[in-house]
Amino acid sequence: MSDKFELLRGSGNVFSDFGHADSDLEQTRAILAAEIIRILNARGLSTRAAEKLTGVAHSEFSRIRNAKLDRFTIDRMIAILGKLDEDVAVSITFHPRRYETDDRPNI
């Protein structure tokens, strides 16, 4: 085994680095889920206690804790944060996509 390795700097979005098609959406959901989990942990809330507090099914909190986020929309996750008495500020920036040569779609 070689002692040599190559260090690669990521883009800041692991989903993009691994070539996921909806990487921005997945990254946003992951950030929101991490905040929901942080709040549950900080308050010592189980999924059942979170359900009683918010009216959101405990199975939804369980999915979030297990990073099964494909069923969640961004607005749904923001609403869950609101039910946990959190204010959410959203900032959106737009940049042209960068394509490798010949990857640009023909529009």
Protein backbone atom coordinates (compact mmCIF):
# COMPACT_ATOMS: atom_id res chain seq x y z
CA MET A 1 0.00 0.00 0.00
CA SER A 2 1.30 3.41 -0.94
CA ASP A 3 1.70 6.24 1.57
CA LYS A 4 0.81 8.76 -1.12
CA PHE A 5 -2.61 10.30 -1.35
CA GLU A 6 -4.23 13.12 -3.22
CA LEU A 7 -6.02 15.87 -1.33
CA LEU A 8 -9.05 17.26 -3.13
CA ARG A 9 -10.87 20.38 -2.02
CA GLY A 10 -14.65 20.05 -2.18
CA SER A 11 -17.05 22.58 -3.60
CA GLY A 12 -18.90 23.05 -0.31
CA ASN A 13 -21.73 20.86 -1.56
CA VAL A 14 -20.98 17.17 -1.13
CA PHE A 15 -23.98 16.24 -3.28
CA SER A 16 -22.56 18.25 -6.16
CA ASP A 17 -19.11 16.76 -5.61
CA PHE A 18 -20.62 13.30 -6.06
CA GLY A 19 -22.53 14.33 -9.20
CA HIS A 20 -26.11 14.33 -7.87
CA ALA A 21 -28.50 15.98 -10.32
CA ASP A 22 -30.43 17.97 -7.68
CA SER A 23 -27.43 18.75 -5.52
CA ASP A 24 -28.59 22.23 -4.45
CA LEU A 25 -31.97 20.89 -3.34
CA GLU A 26 -30.37 18.00 -1.46
CA GLN A 27 -27.86 20.33 0.24
CA THR A 28 -30.64 22.69 1.34
CA ARG A 29 -32.72 19.86 2.77
CA ALA A 30 -29.65 18.48 4.58
CA ILE A 31 -28.93 21.88 6.16
CA LEU A 32 -32.55 22.26 7.30
CA ALA A 33 -32.62 18.69 8.63
CA ALA A 34 -29.40 19.28 10.56
CA GLU A 35 -30.96 22.33 12.21
CA ILE A 36 -34.12 20.41 13.13
CA ILE A 37 -32.00 17.62 14.63
CA ARG A 38 -29.87 20.18 16.51
CA ILE A 39 -32.99 21.73 18.03
CA LEU A 40 -34.46 18.35 19.03
CA ASN A 41 -31.17 17.35 20.65
CA ALA A 42 -30.69 20.69 22.40
CA ARG A 43 -34.19 20.48 23.88
CA GLY A 44 -33.90 16.78 24.65
CA LEU A 45 -36.99 16.01 22.56
CA SER A 46 -37.82 12.52 21.40
CA THR A 47 -39.76 12.14 18.18
CA ARG A 48 -42.92 11.52 20.23
CA ALA A 49 -42.36 14.63 22.37
CA ALA A 50 -41.69 16.68 19.22
CA GLU A 51 -44.98 15.38 17.78
CA LYS A 52 -46.90 16.52 20.87
CA LEU A 53 -45.22 19.92 20.74
CA THR A 54 -45.68 20.58 17.02
CA GLY A 55 -48.47 18.37 15.72
CA VAL A 56 -46.04 16.93 13.15
CA ALA A 57 -46.14 13.12 13.09
CA HIS A 58 -43.33 11.46 15.02
CA SER A 59 -42.56 9.38 11.91
CA GLU A 60 -41.65 12.61 10.10
CA PHE A 61 -39.13 13.48 12.83
CA SER A 62 -37.83 9.93 12.66
CA ARG A 63 -37.29 10.29 8.89
CA ILE A 64 -35.44 13.55 9.45
CA ARG A 65 -33.23 12.00 12.15
CA ASN A 66 -32.43 9.14 9.76
CA ALA A 67 -31.68 11.51 6.85
CA LYS A 68 -34.53 10.10 4.74
CA LEU A 69 -35.31 13.49 3.27
CA ASP A 70 -36.63 12.70 -0.21
CA ARG A 71 -40.27 13.12 0.94
CA PHE A 72 -39.68 16.61 2.32
CA THR A 73 -40.01 19.87 0.46
CA ILE A 74 -37.99 22.84 1.60
CA ASP A 75 -41.13 24.74 2.60
CA ARG A 76 -42.32 21.77 4.69
CA MET A 77 -39.03 21.68 6.58
CA ILE A 78 -39.17 25.44 7.16
CA ALA A 79 -42.73 25.01 8.47
CA ILE A 80 -41.49 22.33 10.90
CA LEU A 81 -38.81 24.74 12.13
CA GLY A 82 -41.55 27.34 12.62
CA LYS A 83 -43.54 24.87 14.71
CA LEU A 84 -40.41 24.43 16.82
CA ASP A 85 -40.56 28.22 17.47
CA GLU A 86 -37.65 29.02 15.18
CA ASP A 87 -37.45 31.95 12.79
CA VAL A 88 -35.93 31.08 9.43
CA ALA A 89 -34.29 33.61 7.12
CA VAL A 90 -33.64 32.45 3.58
CA SER A 91 -31.10 34.03 1.26
CA ILE A 92 -30.91 32.97 -2.37
CA THR A 93 -28.16 33.78 -4.82
CA PHE A 94 -28.04 32.99 -8.52
CA HIS A 95 -24.98 32.12 -10.58
CA PRO A 96 -24.66 30.82 -14.12
CA ARG A 97 -23.98 27.09 -14.20
CA ARG A 98 -20.49 26.00 -15.11
CA TYR A 99 -20.29 23.17 -17.61
CA GLU A 100 -17.46 20.95 -18.70
CA THR A 101 -16.77 21.25 -22.42
CA ASP A 102 -19.58 19.86 -24.56
CA ASP A 103 -21.86 19.35 -21.51
CA ARG A 104 -23.89 22.50 -22.12
CA PRO A 105 -27.49 21.63 -23.08
CA ASN A 106 -28.68 22.66 -26.53
CA ILE A 107 -31.51 25.08 -25.91
